[in-house]
Amino acid sequence: MPDADVAAVSEPSSGSTHAEPAKPVIVRTHLSLLVRDPEASARWFADVLNMKITARGPRWVFLSFGRKHHDLALIQAEPGAEQGGLGLQHYGLEIAGDIDDLRRLYAMLLSKGVKVVKTTDHKIGLGVYFEDPDGNRFEFFAETTTDDEEGQRVLGEHHAPSDPVDLDPLYT
């Protein structure tokens, strides 16, 4: 782009008092957690979420689901750190598959002794909420409504529900 065009985009026009604010276009995300023991937590995430360790440092471990260099960073917390009342409520992980795949994952969590917090019906899908060894909450989520416009309509109509649901674990 020539310099004159850059100036026209980055500076407000003479009739405008404000430039258009920048709007992010998110390509992907990663999560960074403070944990008591990064190595022990990395083993747990490798076992429970089938993640691969991709990098380590003296106080941290990075893990990946296999498509990017890292999806999760585990960083050693200060000694004595405890869960607080503010912060991350949960991190949702949409699964590939259907409700039976979710039921199989639910059974896997139970068989590994993972603390399952709740099973929910969001009207656009079902979720299984569970905790890692440090009490961070995660959700396996299986969508039942795959059209985003329909999903937004249903969420709005039902006020973004998180209704308890009986979900039978499916052991294979």
C-alpha atoms as a PDB file:
ATOM      1  CA  MET A   1       0.000   0.000   0.000  1.00  0.00           C
ATOM      2  CA  PRO A   2       1.482   3.414  -0.886  1.00  0.00           C
ATOM      3  CA  ASP A   3       2.250   5.836   1.957  1.00  0.00           C
ATOM      4  CA  ALA A   4      -0.647   8.150   1.030  1.00  0.00           C
ATOM      5  CA  ASP A   5      -3.091   5.249   1.453  1.00  0.00           C
ATOM      6  CA  VAL A   6      -1.595   4.306   4.836  1.00  0.00           C
ATOM      7  CA  ALA A   7      -2.120   7.856   6.083  1.00  0.00           C
ATOM      8  CA  ALA A   8      -5.700   7.844   4.848  1.00  0.00           C
ATOM      9  CA  VAL A   9      -6.424   4.611   6.728  1.00  0.00           C
ATOM     10  CA  SER A  10      -4.558   5.413   9.944  1.00  0.00           C
ATOM     11  CA  GLU A  11      -5.606   9.034  10.412  1.00  0.00           C
ATOM     12  CA  PRO A  12      -9.187  10.295  10.669  1.00  0.00           C
ATOM     13  CA  SER A  13     -10.579  12.129   7.672  1.00  0.00           C
ATOM     14  CA  SER A  14     -11.091  15.874   7.964  1.00  0.00           C
ATOM     15  CA  GLY A  15     -14.824  15.382   8.560  1.00  0.00           C
ATOM     16  CA  SER A  16     -14.338  12.817  11.337  1.00  0.00           C
ATOM     17  CA  THR A  17     -13.135  13.416  14.868  1.00  0.00           C
ATOM     18  CA  HIS A  18     -12.282   9.767  15.657  1.00  0.00           C
ATOM     19  CA  ALA A  19     -10.606   6.983  13.757  1.00  0.00           C
ATOM     20  CA  GLU A  20     -12.440   3.677  13.446  1.00  0.00           C
ATOM     21  CA  PRO A  21     -11.290   1.538  16.406  1.00  0.00           C
ATOM     22  CA  ALA A  22      -9.324  -1.614  15.684  1.00  0.00           C
ATOM     23  CA  LYS A  23     -11.357  -4.812  15.909  1.00  0.00           C
ATOM     24  CA  PRO A  24      -9.608  -8.115  16.616  1.00  0.00           C
ATOM     25  CA  VAL A  25     -10.001 -11.070  14.299  1.00  0.00           C
ATOM     26  CA  ILE A  26      -9.093 -14.056  16.442  1.00  0.00           C
ATOM     27  CA  VAL A  27      -7.520 -16.987  14.617  1.00  0.00           C
ATOM     28  CA  ARG A  28      -6.937 -19.245  17.628  1.00  0.00           C
ATOM     29  CA  THR A  29      -6.482 -19.080  21.366  1.00  0.00           C
ATOM     30  CA  HIS A  30      -4.349 -20.603  24.066  1.00  0.00           C
ATOM     31  CA  LEU A  31      -4.770 -20.837  27.807  1.00  0.00           C
ATOM     32  CA  SER A  32      -2.132 -20.121  30.434  1.00  0.00           C
ATOM     33  CA  LEU A  33      -2.651 -21.487  33.945  1.00  0.00           C
ATOM     34  CA  LEU A  34      -0.790 -20.979  37.195  1.00  0.00           C
ATOM     35  CA  VAL A  35      -0.346 -24.417  38.780  1.00  0.00           C
ATOM     36  CA  ARG A  36       1.410 -25.844  41.839  1.00  0.00           C
ATOM     37  CA  ASP A  37       3.572 -28.328  39.893  1.00  0.00           C
ATOM     38  CA  PRO A  38       3.880 -27.804  36.110  1.00  0.00           C
ATOM     39  CA  GLU A  39       5.421 -31.241  35.504  1.00  0.00           C
ATOM     40  CA  ALA A  40       2.712 -33.109  37.439  1.00  0.00           C
ATOM     41  CA  SER A  41      -0.004 -31.033  35.774  1.00  0.00           C
ATOM     42  CA  ALA A  42       1.555 -31.664  32.340  1.00  0.00           C
ATOM     43  CA  ARG A  43       1.380 -35.419  32.956  1.00  0.00           C
ATOM     44  CA  TRP A  44      -2.289 -35.044  33.952  1.00  0.00           C
ATOM     45  CA  PHE A  45      -3.162 -33.014  30.816  1.00  0.00           C
ATOM     46  CA  ALA A  46      -1.240 -35.469  28.611  1.00  0.00           C
ATOM     47  CA  ASP A  47      -3.187 -38.348  30.141  1.00  0.00           C
ATOM     48  CA  VAL A  48      -6.674 -36.829  30.431  1.00  0.00           C
ATOM     49  CA  LEU A  49      -6.764 -34.496  27.395  1.00  0.00           C
ATOM     50  CA  ASN A  50      -4.301 -36.462  25.225  1.00  0.00           C
ATOM     51  CA  MET A  51      -2.023 -33.431  24.890  1.00  0.00           C
ATOM     52  CA  LYS A  52       1.624 -33.517  23.866  1.00  0.00           C
ATOM     53  CA  ILE A  53       4.358 -31.652  25.740  1.00  0.00           C
ATOM     54  CA  THR A  54       6.034 -29.308  23.237  1.00  0.00           C
ATOM     55  CA  ALA A  55       8.376 -27.175  25.377  1.00  0.00           C
ATOM     56  CA  ARG A  56       9.636 -26.800  28.944  1.00  0.00           C
ATOM     57  CA  GLY A  57      11.461 -24.313  31.076  1.00  0.00           C
ATOM     58  CA  PRO A  58      12.544 -24.269  34.694  1.00  0.00           C
ATOM     59  CA  ARG A  59       9.053 -23.146  35.904  1.00  0.00           C
ATOM     60  CA  TRP A  60       6.741 -23.932  32.981  1.00  0.00           C
ATOM     61  CA  VAL A  61       5.547 -26.559  30.484  1.00  0.00           C
ATOM     62  CA  PHE A  62       3.774 -25.977  27.140  1.00  0.00           C
ATOM     63  CA  LEU A  63       1.345 -28.539  25.692  1.00  0.00           C
ATOM     64  CA  SER A  64      -0.445 -28.926  22.362  1.00  0.00           C
ATOM     65  CA  PHE A  65      -3.494 -30.723  20.975  1.00  0.00           C
ATOM     66  CA  GLY A  66      -1.330 -31.425  17.922  1.00  0.00           C
ATOM     67  CA  ARG A  67      -2.151 -28.702  15.417  1.00  0.00           C
ATOM     68  CA  LYS A  68      -0.196 -25.761  16.869  1.00  0.00           C
ATOM     69  CA  HIS A  69       2.982 -25.276  18.870  1.00  0.00           C
ATOM     70  CA  HIS A  70       1.018 -24.778  22.096  1.00  0.00           C
ATOM     71  CA  ASP A  71      -2.546 -24.607  23.321  1.00  0.00           C
ATOM     72  CA  LEU A  72      -1.820 -24.643  27.032  1.00  0.00           C
ATOM     73  CA  ALA A  73       0.927 -23.105  29.164  1.00  0.00           C
ATOM     74  CA  LEU A  74       1.363 -24.366  32.717  1.00  0.00           C
ATOM     75  CA  ILE A  75       3.333 -21.932  34.856  1.00  0.00           C
ATOM     76  CA  GLN A  76       4.438 -22.573  38.419  1.00  0.00           C
ATOM     77  CA  ALA A  77       2.467 -20.485  40.898  1.00  0.00           C
ATOM     78  CA  GLU A  78       4.049 -18.793  43.884  1.00  0.00           C
ATOM     79  CA  PRO A  79       4.290 -21.035  46.968  1.00  0.00           C
ATOM     80  CA  GLY A  80       1.040 -21.088  48.952  1.00  0.00           C
ATOM     81  CA  ALA A  81      -1.115 -19.829  46.055  1.00  0.00           C
ATOM     82  CA  GLU A  82      -4.791 -20.833  46.321  1.00  0.00           C
ATOM     83  CA  GLN A  83      -7.839 -20.644  44.064  1.00  0.00           C
ATOM     84  CA  GLY A  84      -9.574 -17.277  44.320  1.00  0.00           C
ATOM     85  CA  GLY A  85     -13.142 -16.118  43.930  1.00  0.00           C
ATOM     86  CA  LEU A  86     -12.357 -14.142  40.761  1.00  0.00           C
ATOM     87  CA  GLY A  87     -10.776 -15.293  37.544  1.00  0.00           C
ATOM     88  CA  LEU A  88     -11.365 -18.052  35.036  1.00  0.00           C
ATOM     89  CA  GLN A  89     -14.667 -19.827  35.689  1.00  0.00           C
ATOM     90  CA  HIS A  90     -14.034 -22.605  33.144  1.00  0.00           C
ATOM     91  CA  TYR A  91     -12.422 -23.308  29.800  1.00  0.00           C
ATOM     92  CA  GLY A  92     -14.730 -25.033  27.300  1.00  0.00           C
ATOM     93  CA  LEU A  93     -13.368 -27.669  24.946  1.00  0.00           C
ATOM     94  CA  GLU A  94     -15.741 -28.469  22.086  1.00  0.00           C
ATOM     95  CA  ILE A  95     -15.242 -32.091  21.141  1.00  0.00           C
ATOM     96  CA  ALA A  96     -15.380 -33.674  17.714  1.00  0.00           C
ATOM     97  CA  GLY A  97     -18.263 -36.103  17.782  1.00  0.00           C
ATOM     98  CA  ASP A  98     -21.722 -36.545  19.204  1.00  0.00           C
ATOM     99  CA  ILE A  99     -23.399 -37.150  22.558  1.00  0.00           C
ATOM    100  CA  ASP A 100     -22.149 -40.760  22.682  1.00  0.00           C
ATOM    101  CA  ASP A 101     -18.582 -39.459  22.261  1.00  0.00           C
ATOM    102  CA  LEU A 102     -19.251 -37.068  25.148  1.00  0.00           C
ATOM    103  CA  ARG A 103     -20.592 -39.970  27.231  1.00  0.00           C
ATOM    104  CA  ARG A 104     -17.398 -41.941  26.476  1.00  0.00           C
ATOM    105  CA  LEU A 105     -15.273 -38.988  27.611  1.00  0.00           C
ATOM    106  CA  TYR A 106     -17.399 -38.715  30.749  1.00  0.00           C
ATOM    107  CA  ALA A 107     -16.688 -42.392  31.466  1.00  0.00           C
ATOM    108  CA  MET A 108     -12.973 -41.833  30.838  1.00  0.00           C
ATOM    109  CA  LEU A 109     -12.910 -38.963  33.352  1.00  0.00           C
ATOM    110  CA  LEU A 110     -14.660 -41.085  35.967  1.00  0.00           C
ATOM    111  CA  SER A 111     -12.370 -44.062  35.359  1.00  0.00           C
ATOM    112  CA  LYS A 112      -9.312 -41.831  35.894  1.00  0.00           C
ATOM    113  CA  GLY A 113     -10.723 -40.446  39.134  1.00  0.00           C
ATOM    114  CA  VAL A 114     -11.111 -36.917  37.712  1.00  0.00           C
ATOM    115  CA  LYS A 115     -13.445 -34.715  39.753  1.00  0.00           C
ATOM    116  CA  VAL A 116     -16.577 -34.181  37.621  1.00  0.00           C
ATOM    117  CA  VAL A 117     -18.401 -31.064  38.801  1.00  0.00           C
ATOM    118  CA  LYS A 118     -21.613 -31.258  36.798  1.00  0.00           C
ATOM    119  CA  THR A 119     -23.299 -32.338  33.582  1.00  0.00           C
ATOM    120  CA  THR A 120     -25.406 -29.715  31.845  1.00  0.00           C
ATOM    121  CA  ASP A 121     -27.863 -29.088  29.048  1.00  0.00           C
ATOM    122  CA  HIS A 122     -27.215 -25.754  27.338  1.00  0.00           C
ATOM    123  CA  LYS A 123     -30.085 -26.318  24.830  1.00  0.00           C
ATOM    124  CA  ILE A 124     -27.479 -26.062  22.035  1.00  0.00           C
ATOM    125  CA  GLY A 125     -25.423 -28.955  23.368  1.00  0.00           C
ATOM    126  CA  LEU A 126     -24.428 -30.898  26.440  1.00  0.00           C
ATOM    127  CA  GLY A 127     -21.445 -30.318  28.688  1.00  0.00           C
ATOM    128  CA  VAL A 128     -19.406 -32.258  31.232  1.00  0.00           C
ATOM    129  CA  TYR A 129     -17.537 -29.978  33.654  1.00  0.00           C
ATOM    130  CA  PHE A 130     -14.451 -31.277  35.461  1.00  0.00           C
ATOM    131  CA  GLU A 131     -11.422 -30.037  37.384  1.00  0.00           C
ATOM    132  CA  ASP A 132      -7.691 -30.432  36.920  1.00  0.00           C
ATOM    133  CA  PRO A 133      -5.482 -31.245  39.944  1.00  0.00           C
ATOM    134  CA  ASP A 134      -5.271 -27.523  40.871  1.00  0.00           C
ATOM    135  CA  GLY A 135      -9.042 -26.990  40.787  1.00  0.00           C
ATOM    136  CA  ASN A 136      -9.180 -25.251  37.384  1.00  0.00           C
ATOM    137  CA  ARG A 137     -12.499 -26.059  35.727  1.00  0.00           C
ATOM    138  CA  PHE A 138     -12.814 -27.380  32.177  1.00  0.00           C
ATOM    139  CA  GLU A 139     -15.782 -28.466  30.074  1.00  0.00           C
ATOM    140  CA  PHE A 140     -16.086 -31.088  27.365  1.00  0.00           C
ATOM    141  CA  PHE A 141     -18.908 -29.803  25.142  1.00  0.00           C
ATOM    142  CA  ALA A 142     -20.820 -31.601  22.374  1.00  0.00           C
ATOM    143  CA  GLU A 143     -22.949 -29.347  20.190  1.00  0.00           C
ATOM    144  CA  THR A 144     -26.423 -30.431  19.158  1.00  0.00           C
ATOM    145  CA  THR A 145     -27.158 -27.184  17.313  1.00  0.00           C
ATOM    146  CA  THR A 146     -24.424 -26.579  14.755  1.00  0.00           C
ATOM    147  CA  ASP A 147     -25.852 -23.548  12.941  1.00  0.00           C
ATOM    148  CA  ASP A 148     -24.482 -20.439  14.714  1.00  0.00           C
ATOM    149  CA  GLU A 149     -27.501 -18.232  13.957  1.00  0.00           C
ATOM    150  CA  GLU A 150     -29.851 -20.909  15.304  1.00  0.00           C
ATOM    151  CA  GLY A 151     -27.549 -21.368  18.314  1.00  0.00           C
ATOM    152  CA  GLN A 152     -27.678 -17.657  19.110  1.00  0.00           C
ATOM    153  CA  ARG A 153     -31.474 -17.665  18.795  1.00  0.00           C
ATOM    154  CA  VAL A 154     -31.812 -20.692  21.107  1.00  0.00           C
ATOM    155  CA  LEU A 155     -29.361 -19.291  23.679  1.00  0.00           C
ATOM    156  CA  GLY A 156     -31.239 -15.988  23.736  1.00  0.00           C
ATOM    157  CA  GLU A 157     -34.634 -17.660  23.929  1.00  0.00           C
ATOM    158  CA  HIS A 158     -33.557 -19.843  26.862  1.00  0.00           C
ATOM    159  CA  HIS A 159     -31.341 -17.197  28.556  1.00  0.00           C
ATOM    160  CA  ALA A 160     -28.079 -19.149  28.027  1.00  0.00           C
ATOM    161  CA  PRO A 161     -29.083 -22.070  30.258  1.00  0.00           C
ATOM    162  CA  SER A 162     -26.899 -24.446  32.181  1.00  0.00           C
ATOM    163  CA  ASP A 163     -29.573 -26.892  33.300  1.00  0.00           C
ATOM    164  CA  PRO A 164     -28.608 -30.076  35.133  1.00  0.00           C
ATOM    165  CA  VAL A 165     -28.958 -33.184  32.981  1.00  0.00           C
ATOM    166  CA  ASP A 166     -28.581 -36.880  33.744  1.00  0.00           C
ATOM    167  CA  LEU A 167     -25.885 -38.136  31.394  1.00  0.00           C
ATOM    168  CA  ASP A 168     -24.978 -41.791  31.624  1.00  0.00           C
ATOM    169  CA  PRO A 169     -21.274 -42.469  31.167  1.00  0.00           C
ATOM    170  CA  LEU A 170     -20.654 -44.825  28.259  1.00  0.00           C
ATOM    171  CA  TYR A 171     -17.962 -47.332  29.124  1.00  0.00           C
ATOM    172  CA  THR A 172     -16.516 -49.195  26.154  1.00  0.00           C
END
